[in-house]
Protein backbone atom coordinates (compact mmCIF):
# COMPACT_ATOMS: atom_id res chain seq x y z
CA MET A 1 2.50 82.05 42.44
CA ILE A 2 4.39 79.08 41.02
CA HIS A 3 2.00 76.20 40.39
CA VAL A 4 3.29 72.73 41.23
CA LEU A 5 1.44 69.62 40.03
CA PHE A 6 2.13 66.12 41.35
CA TYR A 7 1.34 62.84 39.58
CA ALA A 8 1.39 59.15 40.51
CA ASN A 9 3.63 58.35 43.51
CA MET A 10 4.55 61.99 43.95
CA ARG A 11 0.88 62.71 44.58
CA THR A 12 0.74 59.87 47.11
CA ILE A 13 3.82 61.17 48.97
CA THR A 14 2.53 64.75 49.16
CA GLY A 15 -1.10 63.82 49.73
CA GLN A 16 -2.24 66.38 47.20
CA ALA A 17 -2.56 66.98 43.49
CA GLY A 18 -0.80 70.31 43.57
CA LEU A 19 0.04 73.46 45.43
CA GLU A 20 1.24 77.01 44.93
CA ILE A 21 4.59 78.37 46.09
CA ALA A 22 5.51 82.02 46.37
CA PRO A 23 8.18 82.93 43.81
CA ALA A 24 10.22 84.65 46.54
CA SER A 25 10.85 81.27 48.21
CA ALA A 26 11.82 79.50 44.98
CA GLY A 27 13.68 81.60 42.41
CA THR A 28 15.05 78.56 40.55
CA LEU A 29 13.82 75.05 39.93
CA ARG A 30 16.54 73.72 42.25
CA GLU A 31 15.35 76.04 45.04
CA LEU A 32 11.77 74.94 44.42
CA LEU A 33 12.74 71.25 44.67
CA LEU A 34 14.62 71.89 47.92
CA ARG A 35 11.61 73.79 49.28
CA LEU A 36 9.30 70.92 48.34
CA ALA A 37 11.67 68.48 50.05
CA GLU A 38 11.38 70.61 53.21
CA LEU A 39 7.59 70.63 53.02
CA PHE A 40 7.36 66.92 52.18
CA PRO A 41 10.41 65.07 53.56
CA GLY A 42 9.43 61.91 51.67
CA LEU A 43 10.07 63.72 48.40
CA HIS A 44 13.74 64.39 49.02
CA ASN A 45 14.95 60.83 48.34
CA GLN A 46 12.57 60.54 45.41
CA LEU A 47 13.79 63.69 43.68
CA LEU A 48 17.30 64.59 44.74
CA ASP A 49 20.58 62.78 45.19
CA GLU A 50 23.02 63.46 48.03
CA ARG A 51 24.49 66.40 46.09
CA GLY A 52 21.13 68.08 45.56
CA ASN A 53 20.85 67.15 41.88
CA LEU A 54 17.66 65.87 40.34
CA TYR A 55 17.72 62.15 39.59
CA GLN A 56 17.86 61.51 35.85
CA ASP A 57 14.85 59.16 35.97
CA VAL A 58 12.45 61.76 37.40
CA PRO A 59 10.33 63.40 34.70
CA ILE A 60 9.86 67.06 35.51
CA PHE A 61 8.57 69.84 33.30
CA VAL A 62 8.39 73.62 33.56
CA ASN A 63 5.54 74.98 31.47
CA GLY A 64 5.49 71.70 29.56
CA ARG A 65 9.21 71.79 28.71
CA ASN A 66 12.03 69.62 29.99
CA PRO A 67 14.43 71.85 31.97
CA ARG A 68 17.27 69.39 31.30
CA LEU A 69 17.27 70.61 27.70
CA ALA A 70 17.84 74.20 28.81
CA GLY A 71 21.45 75.21 29.31
CA THR A 72 20.83 75.88 33.00
CA GLY A 73 19.19 72.52 33.86
CA ILE A 74 17.53 72.62 37.27
CA ASP A 75 19.08 76.01 37.95
CA LEU A 76 16.47 77.38 35.53
CA SER A 77 14.90 80.61 36.80
CA LEU A 78 11.23 80.37 37.61
CA GLY A 79 8.66 83.08 37.00
CA PRO A 80 5.57 83.86 39.07
CA ASP A 81 3.16 82.21 36.63
CA ASP A 82 5.21 79.09 35.86
CA THR A 83 3.80 75.60 36.23
CA VAL A 84 6.11 72.81 37.38
CA THR A 85 4.88 69.26 36.81
CA ILE A 86 6.52 66.38 38.68
CA PHE A 87 5.97 62.73 37.79
CA SER A 88 7.13 59.52 39.43
CA PRO A 89 10.49 58.04 38.37
CA ILE A 90 10.42 56.06 35.15
CA SER A 91 11.59 52.50 34.77
CA SER A 92 10.83 49.90 32.17
CA GLY A 93 11.21 46.23 31.48
CA ARG A 94 13.15 44.26 34.05
CA MET A 95 14.92 47.26 35.52
CA ASN A 96 13.59 49.07 38.52
CA VAL A 97 14.23 52.59 39.71
CA GLU A 98 16.78 51.54 42.33
CA GLY A 99 18.80 49.78 39.65
CA LEU A 100 18.76 52.87 37.47
CA ARG A 101 19.89 55.21 40.21
CA ARG A 102 23.57 55.77 40.44
CA PRO A 103 25.36 58.96 41.37
CA ALA A 104 23.90 61.66 39.15
CA ILE A 105 26.14 63.76 36.97
CA ASP A 106 26.47 67.20 38.46
CA GLU A 107 24.17 69.35 36.34
CA GLN A 108 26.25 72.42 37.10
CA GLU A 109 29.25 71.16 35.12
């Protein structure tokens, strides 16, 4: 099972600290995020833009590593024992999350 952990606002939206997803229903991180958005509709606008790409201000880790640094980005393949950790969007200073969000660069390019 893929272990998913939620922190801060993500935990509030889902109403739980974590859950397990069968690898067959989420072969990649992108598929997992879309599955989570189905299970928790409030997550969709927090995680994904209109093109299905992860917002740049959302910290997410697979086994403690940032998938954005992998060549595949959120199309990273997930294994049955992987742990995906999802945090609330980051903002600092006078900026807020809405101000930071603009159309995300397509991670597939």
